[in-house]
Each structure stands twice: as C-alpha cells, then as structure tokens.
Amino acid sequence: MIPDRDRPIAVDFTDVDLYVTLANQRRLTLPLADYPVLAQATAEQRMNLQLTLNGLYWPELDLDISLMTLLSGTVSHTRRHKPRFCEG
C-alpha cells in the first residue's frame, strides 16, 4: 500500500516533460520521451486524466502508470531512469 504522503495530487506538462506533484509536495519530473503515448497525445488528451490512489490513468488513451513505476523510474523492459525531484 502506498502511503498517503506519496499519492499524486497534481499533474502538469511541458512540451518535453511530465510533472507529478505528490501529497508531500515532492515533484517528479519525467521525460515525455519515455511515454510515447503521452508524447504523441494532444494537450487536451494529456489533461484528461484521473489521479487514482495508486497512480495516473488516462481513459481516452487507455494508459495507466502506477505510482510505484513512477517512483522506481521503471518505464519499460528496455529503458530505465530515475525521476528527478524538484524542490517545490
């Protein structure tokens, strides 16, 4: 179970990054290049998401990213990265 302090509370985008703010005010910065479906989506599609207890879900894109995946930096079997934490 994910502690409440690590739950996502906000999401934002730039042209190249996905930002996820957690309840403890930590901010994850993740390259959109690691998430091709999001990289190719329109701004409207990107913002049409649901913050779930365990991560992020884009119903229109049929994309579900778990918080454990975001925190661990696991993107796929072929690419791994660690998220950068920004001071909020």
Protein backbone atom coordinates (compact mmCIF):
# COMPACT_ATOMS: atom_id res chain seq x y z
CA MET A 1 0.00 0.00 0.00
CA ILE A 2 1.26 3.45 -0.90
CA PRO A 3 1.48 5.95 1.98
CA ASP A 4 -0.86 8.94 1.68
CA ARG A 5 2.14 11.29 1.54
CA ASP A 6 3.26 9.65 -1.73
CA ARG A 7 -0.07 9.87 -3.52
CA PRO A 8 -0.27 12.04 -6.66
CA ILE A 9 -2.22 15.27 -6.19
CA ALA A 10 -1.44 17.20 -9.39
CA VAL A 11 -0.07 16.68 -12.89
CA ASP A 12 1.31 19.20 -15.37
CA PHE A 13 3.15 19.08 -18.68
CA THR A 14 5.63 20.98 -20.77
CA ASP A 15 6.41 20.06 -24.36
CA VAL A 16 9.06 17.62 -23.13
CA ASP A 17 8.28 16.67 -19.52
CA LEU A 18 5.56 15.24 -17.30
CA TYR A 19 5.44 16.68 -13.77
CA VAL A 20 3.72 14.79 -10.96
CA THR A 21 3.27 16.51 -7.60
CA LEU A 22 2.88 14.21 -4.61
CA ALA A 23 0.96 14.91 -1.41
CA ASN A 24 4.25 15.51 0.43
CA GLN A 25 4.96 18.29 -2.13
CA ARG A 26 7.76 16.37 -3.87
CA ARG A 27 7.62 16.89 -7.61
CA LEU A 28 8.64 14.16 -10.05
CA THR A 29 9.95 15.26 -13.44
CA LEU A 30 9.73 12.59 -16.11
CA PRO A 31 10.65 12.90 -19.79
CA LEU A 32 7.68 12.52 -22.13
CA ALA A 33 10.00 10.66 -24.49
CA ASP A 34 9.76 7.75 -22.04
CA TYR A 35 5.97 7.68 -22.50
CA PRO A 36 5.34 7.70 -26.29
CA VAL A 37 1.55 7.60 -25.93
CA LEU A 38 1.65 10.81 -23.87
CA ALA A 39 4.28 12.39 -26.11
CA GLN A 40 2.01 11.93 -29.13
CA ALA A 41 -1.21 12.93 -27.34
CA THR A 42 -2.80 16.35 -27.63
CA ALA A 43 -2.70 18.74 -24.67
CA GLU A 44 -6.40 18.07 -24.11
CA GLN A 45 -5.84 14.30 -24.07
CA ARG A 46 -2.94 14.67 -21.63
CA MET A 47 -5.02 16.68 -19.19
CA ASN A 48 -7.94 14.25 -19.37
CA LEU A 49 -6.61 12.04 -16.60
CA GLN A 50 -7.67 10.56 -13.32
CA LEU A 51 -5.50 10.69 -10.22
CA THR A 52 -6.03 7.31 -8.61
CA LEU A 53 -4.91 6.05 -5.23
CA ASN A 54 -2.08 4.17 -6.91
CA GLY A 55 -1.10 6.34 -9.86
CA LEU A 56 -2.33 8.07 -13.00
CA TYR A 57 -4.90 6.93 -15.56
CA TRP A 58 -5.75 8.39 -18.97
CA PRO A 59 -9.04 6.72 -20.01
CA GLU A 60 -9.06 8.13 -23.55
CA LEU A 61 -5.51 6.90 -24.13
CA ASP A 62 -6.03 3.64 -22.20
CA LEU A 63 -2.83 4.42 -20.32
CA ASP A 64 -2.26 3.57 -16.67
CA ILE A 65 1.01 4.49 -14.91
CA SER A 66 1.37 3.21 -11.38
CA LEU A 67 2.94 5.34 -8.71
CA MET A 68 5.37 2.52 -7.94
CA THR A 69 6.52 2.69 -11.57
CA LEU A 70 6.96 6.46 -11.36
CA LEU A 71 8.89 6.30 -8.09
CA SER A 72 11.13 3.44 -9.20
CA GLY A 73 11.91 5.01 -12.56
CA THR A 74 10.86 1.90 -14.47
CA VAL A 75 9.41 2.76 -17.86
CA SER A 76 9.70 -0.42 -19.89
CA HIS A 77 11.80 -3.53 -20.17
CA THR A 78 14.28 -1.68 -22.35
CA ARG A 79 14.66 1.69 -20.67
CA ARG A 80 15.07 2.75 -17.07
CA HIS A 81 15.50 6.17 -15.50
CA LYS A 82 15.25 7.69 -12.08
CA PRO A 83 12.88 10.63 -11.73
CA ARG A 84 14.38 13.96 -10.82
CA PHE A 85 12.96 15.57 -7.70
CA CYS A 86 12.40 19.31 -7.80
CA GLU A 87 12.16 21.45 -4.73
CA GLY A 88 8.58 22.66 -4.57
